[in-house]
C-alpha atoms as a PDB file:
ATOM      1  CA  MET A   1      -3.394  13.773  18.280  1.00  0.00           C
ATOM      2  CA  ASP A   2      -0.619  15.149  16.119  1.00  0.00           C
ATOM      3  CA  PRO A   3      -2.215  16.873  13.065  1.00  0.00           C
ATOM      4  CA  THR A   4       0.071  14.918  10.712  1.00  0.00           C
ATOM      5  CA  THR A   5      -0.826  11.542  12.216  1.00  0.00           C
ATOM      6  CA  ILE A   6      -3.165   9.430  10.072  1.00  0.00           C
ATOM      7  CA  ASP A   7      -4.914   6.439  11.616  1.00  0.00           C
ATOM      8  CA  VAL A   8      -4.837   3.772   8.878  1.00  0.00           C
ATOM      9  CA  GLU A   9      -8.085   2.349  10.292  1.00  0.00           C
ATOM     10  CA  LYS A  10      -9.843   5.586   9.220  1.00  0.00           C
ATOM     11  CA  VAL A  11      -8.546   5.829   5.624  1.00  0.00           C
ATOM     12  CA  THR A  12     -11.517   5.980   3.222  1.00  0.00           C
ATOM     13  CA  ALA A  13      -9.781   6.615  -0.123  1.00  0.00           C
ATOM     14  CA  VAL A  14      -6.286   6.407  -1.628  1.00  0.00           C
ATOM     15  CA  LEU A  15      -4.927   8.625  -4.414  1.00  0.00           C
ATOM     16  CA  LEU A  16      -2.674   6.762  -6.823  1.00  0.00           C
ATOM     17  CA  ILE A  17      -1.368   8.058 -10.136  1.00  0.00           C
ATOM     18  CA  ASP A  18      -4.529   6.837 -11.913  1.00  0.00           C
ATOM     19  CA  GLY A  19      -6.907   8.650  -9.548  1.00  0.00           C
ATOM     20  CA  TRP A  20      -8.827   8.171  -6.316  1.00  0.00           C
ATOM     21  CA  HIS A  21      -9.703   4.686  -5.108  1.00  0.00           C
ATOM     22  CA  TYR A  22     -12.572   4.496  -2.594  1.00  0.00           C
ATOM     23  CA  ILE A  23     -11.662   1.540  -0.428  1.00  0.00           C
ATOM     24  CA  GLN A  24     -13.328  -1.009   1.800  1.00  0.00           C
ATOM     25  CA  PRO A  25     -13.506   0.147   5.439  1.00  0.00           C
ATOM     26  CA  ARG A  26     -10.404  -0.676   7.493  1.00  0.00           C
ATOM     27  CA  SER A  27      -8.666  -2.404   4.545  1.00  0.00           C
ATOM     28  CA  PHE A  28      -5.740   0.052   4.222  1.00  0.00           C
ATOM     29  CA  HIS A  29      -2.477  -1.312   5.649  1.00  0.00           C
ATOM     30  CA  ILE A  30       1.178  -0.368   5.408  1.00  0.00           C
ATOM     31  CA  GLU A  31       3.469  -3.393   5.573  1.00  0.00           C
ATOM     32  CA  PRO A  32       6.596  -4.694   3.852  1.00  0.00           C
ATOM     33  CA  TYR A  33       6.013  -6.667   0.660  1.00  0.00           C
ATOM     34  CA  ALA A  34       8.206  -8.622  -1.728  1.00  0.00           C
ATOM     35  CA  PHE A  35       7.795 -10.523  -4.977  1.00  0.00           C
ATOM     36  CA  THR A  36       8.370 -14.257  -4.797  1.00  0.00           C
ATOM     37  CA  SER A  37       8.641 -17.178  -7.194  1.00  0.00           C
ATOM     38  CA  GLY A  38       7.751 -20.325  -5.324  1.00  0.00           C
ATOM     39  CA  ASP A  39       9.729 -20.166  -2.095  1.00  0.00           C
ATOM     40  CA  ASP A  40      12.363 -17.807  -3.526  1.00  0.00           C
ATOM     41  CA  VAL A  41      12.184 -14.067  -2.871  1.00  0.00           C
ATOM     42  CA  VAL A  42      13.002 -12.427  -6.209  1.00  0.00           C
ATOM     43  CA  ALA A  43      12.872  -8.818  -5.034  1.00  0.00           C
ATOM     44  CA  LYS A  44      14.024  -7.331  -1.758  1.00  0.00           C
ATOM     45  CA  PRO A  45      11.137  -6.555   0.664  1.00  0.00           C
ATOM     46  CA  GLN A  46      10.194  -2.873   0.759  1.00  0.00           C
ATOM     47  CA  PRO A  47       7.570  -0.743   2.542  1.00  0.00           C
ATOM     48  CA  GLY A  48       4.253  -0.980   0.766  1.00  0.00           C
ATOM     49  CA  TYR A  49       0.531  -0.300   0.918  1.00  0.00           C
ATOM     50  CA  PHE A  50      -2.404  -2.668   0.658  1.00  0.00           C
ATOM     51  CA  PHE A  51      -6.123  -2.023   0.266  1.00  0.00           C
ATOM     52  CA  ALA A  52      -9.264  -3.662  -1.068  1.00  0.00           C
ATOM     53  CA  LYS A  53     -12.101  -2.105  -3.034  1.00  0.00           C
ATOM     54  CA  ILE A  54     -15.192  -3.171  -4.932  1.00  0.00           C
ATOM     55  CA  ASP A  55     -15.083  -2.590  -8.686  1.00  0.00           C
ATOM     56  CA  GLN A  56     -17.941  -0.248  -9.674  1.00  0.00           C
ATOM     57  CA  ILE A  57     -18.770  -2.169 -12.885  1.00  0.00           C
ATOM     58  CA  SER A  58     -18.202  -5.853 -12.126  1.00  0.00           C
ATOM     59  CA  ARG A  59     -18.924  -5.537  -8.365  1.00  0.00           C
ATOM     60  CA  GLU A  60     -15.968  -7.878  -7.758  1.00  0.00           C
ATOM     61  CA  MET A  61     -13.522  -7.360  -4.891  1.00  0.00           C
ATOM     62  CA  GLN A  62     -10.154  -6.019  -6.086  1.00  0.00           C
ATOM     63  CA  TYR A  63      -6.913  -5.961  -4.097  1.00  0.00           C
ATOM     64  CA  PHE A  64      -4.158  -3.384  -4.572  1.00  0.00           C
ATOM     65  CA  LEU A  65      -0.589  -3.577  -3.285  1.00  0.00           C
ATOM     66  CA  GLY A  66       2.466  -1.538  -4.218  1.00  0.00           C
ATOM     67  CA  PRO A  67       5.328   0.654  -3.009  1.00  0.00           C
ATOM     68  CA  ILE A  68       4.280   3.171  -0.357  1.00  0.00           C
ATOM     69  CA  ASP A  69       6.027   5.879  -2.412  1.00  0.00           C
ATOM     70  CA  CYS A  70       3.241   5.524  -5.019  1.00  0.00           C
ATOM     71  CA  VAL A  71       0.564   6.733  -2.591  1.00  0.00           C
ATOM     72  CA  MET A  72       0.092  10.418  -3.408  1.00  0.00           C
ATOM     73  CA  ALA A  73      -2.561  11.149  -0.752  1.00  0.00           C
ATOM     74  CA  VAL A  74      -5.198   9.553   1.434  1.00  0.00           C
ATOM     75  CA  ARG A  75      -8.621  10.652   2.609  1.00  0.00           C
ATOM     76  CA  PHE A  76      -9.595   9.759   6.116  1.00  0.00           C
ATOM     77  CA  ALA A  77     -12.462  10.246   8.519  1.00  0.00           C
ATOM     78  CA  VAL A  78     -12.045  12.848  11.239  1.00  0.00           C
ATOM     79  CA  ALA A  79     -14.373  12.965  14.205  1.00  0.00           C
ATOM     80  CA  THR A  80     -16.044  16.353  14.421  1.00  0.00           C
ATOM     81  CA  ALA A  81     -18.385  18.027  16.857  1.00  0.00           C
ATOM     82  CA  VAL A  82     -20.895  20.770  16.222  1.00  0.00           C
ATOM     83  CA  ASP A  83     -20.081  23.919  18.164  1.00  0.00           C
ATOM     84  CA  ARG A  84     -23.411  25.558  18.885  1.00  0.00           C
ATOM     85  CA  ASP A  85     -23.805  29.260  19.540  1.00  0.00           C
ATOM     86  CA  ASP A  86     -25.244  29.595  23.066  1.00  0.00           C
ATOM     87  CA  ASP A  87     -26.738  33.061  22.425  1.00  0.00           C
ATOM     88  CA  ASP A  88     -30.178  31.567  21.790  1.00  0.00           C
ATOM     89  CA  GLU A  89     -31.000  29.925  25.105  1.00  0.00           C
ATOM     90  CA  ASP A  90     -34.153  28.100  23.935  1.00  0.00           C
ATOM     91  CA  GLY A  91     -32.159  26.231  21.272  1.00  0.00           C
ATOM     92  CA  GLY A  92     -34.128  27.638  18.332  1.00  0.00           C
ATOM     93  CA  ASP A  93     -32.820  29.598  15.422  1.00  0.00           C
ATOM     94  CA  ARG A  94     -33.882  33.204  15.901  1.00  0.00           C
ATOM     95  CA  ASP A  95     -33.838  33.972  12.181  1.00  0.00           C
ATOM     96  CA  HIS A  96     -36.130  31.081  11.333  1.00  0.00           C
ATOM     97  CA  ASP A  97     -38.550  31.044  14.288  1.00  0.00           C
ATOM     98  CA  ARG A  98     -42.112  31.852  13.229  1.00  0.00           C
ATOM     99  CA  ASP A  99     -43.714  34.882  14.857  1.00  0.00           C
ATOM    100  CA  ASP A 100     -46.747  33.987  16.989  1.00  0.00           C
ATOM    101  CA  ASP A 101     -48.975  36.433  15.144  1.00  0.00           C
ATOM    102  CA  GLU A 102     -48.191  35.028  11.655  1.00  0.00           C
ATOM    103  CA  GLU A 103     -51.069  33.234   9.984  1.00  0.00           C
ATOM    104  CA  GLU A 104     -50.644  29.680   8.788  1.00  0.00           C
ATOM    105  CA  PHE A 105     -52.198  28.741   5.424  1.00  0.00           C
END
């Protein structure tokens, strides 16, 4: 995967000018949007973002949509793996293993 590629399915928060918004899982989308009045388009479609989040006070679902240029940053989940040091063959931590001759109270 290219290090600059962001999977929109993994976005967990969006930074807008008013701060971070922690979003509902898999709700972030980038699609064209336009303002309409009835059946008439009153503003030319442009690239935009969409996400949903739960308000922390009212617990109501909120929906956000706007120009993609207003997104300052995103947080996203990255799969990670633990790289274990194979020096300790029995899998224990040498610094924290109890000596056999220590007394237990």
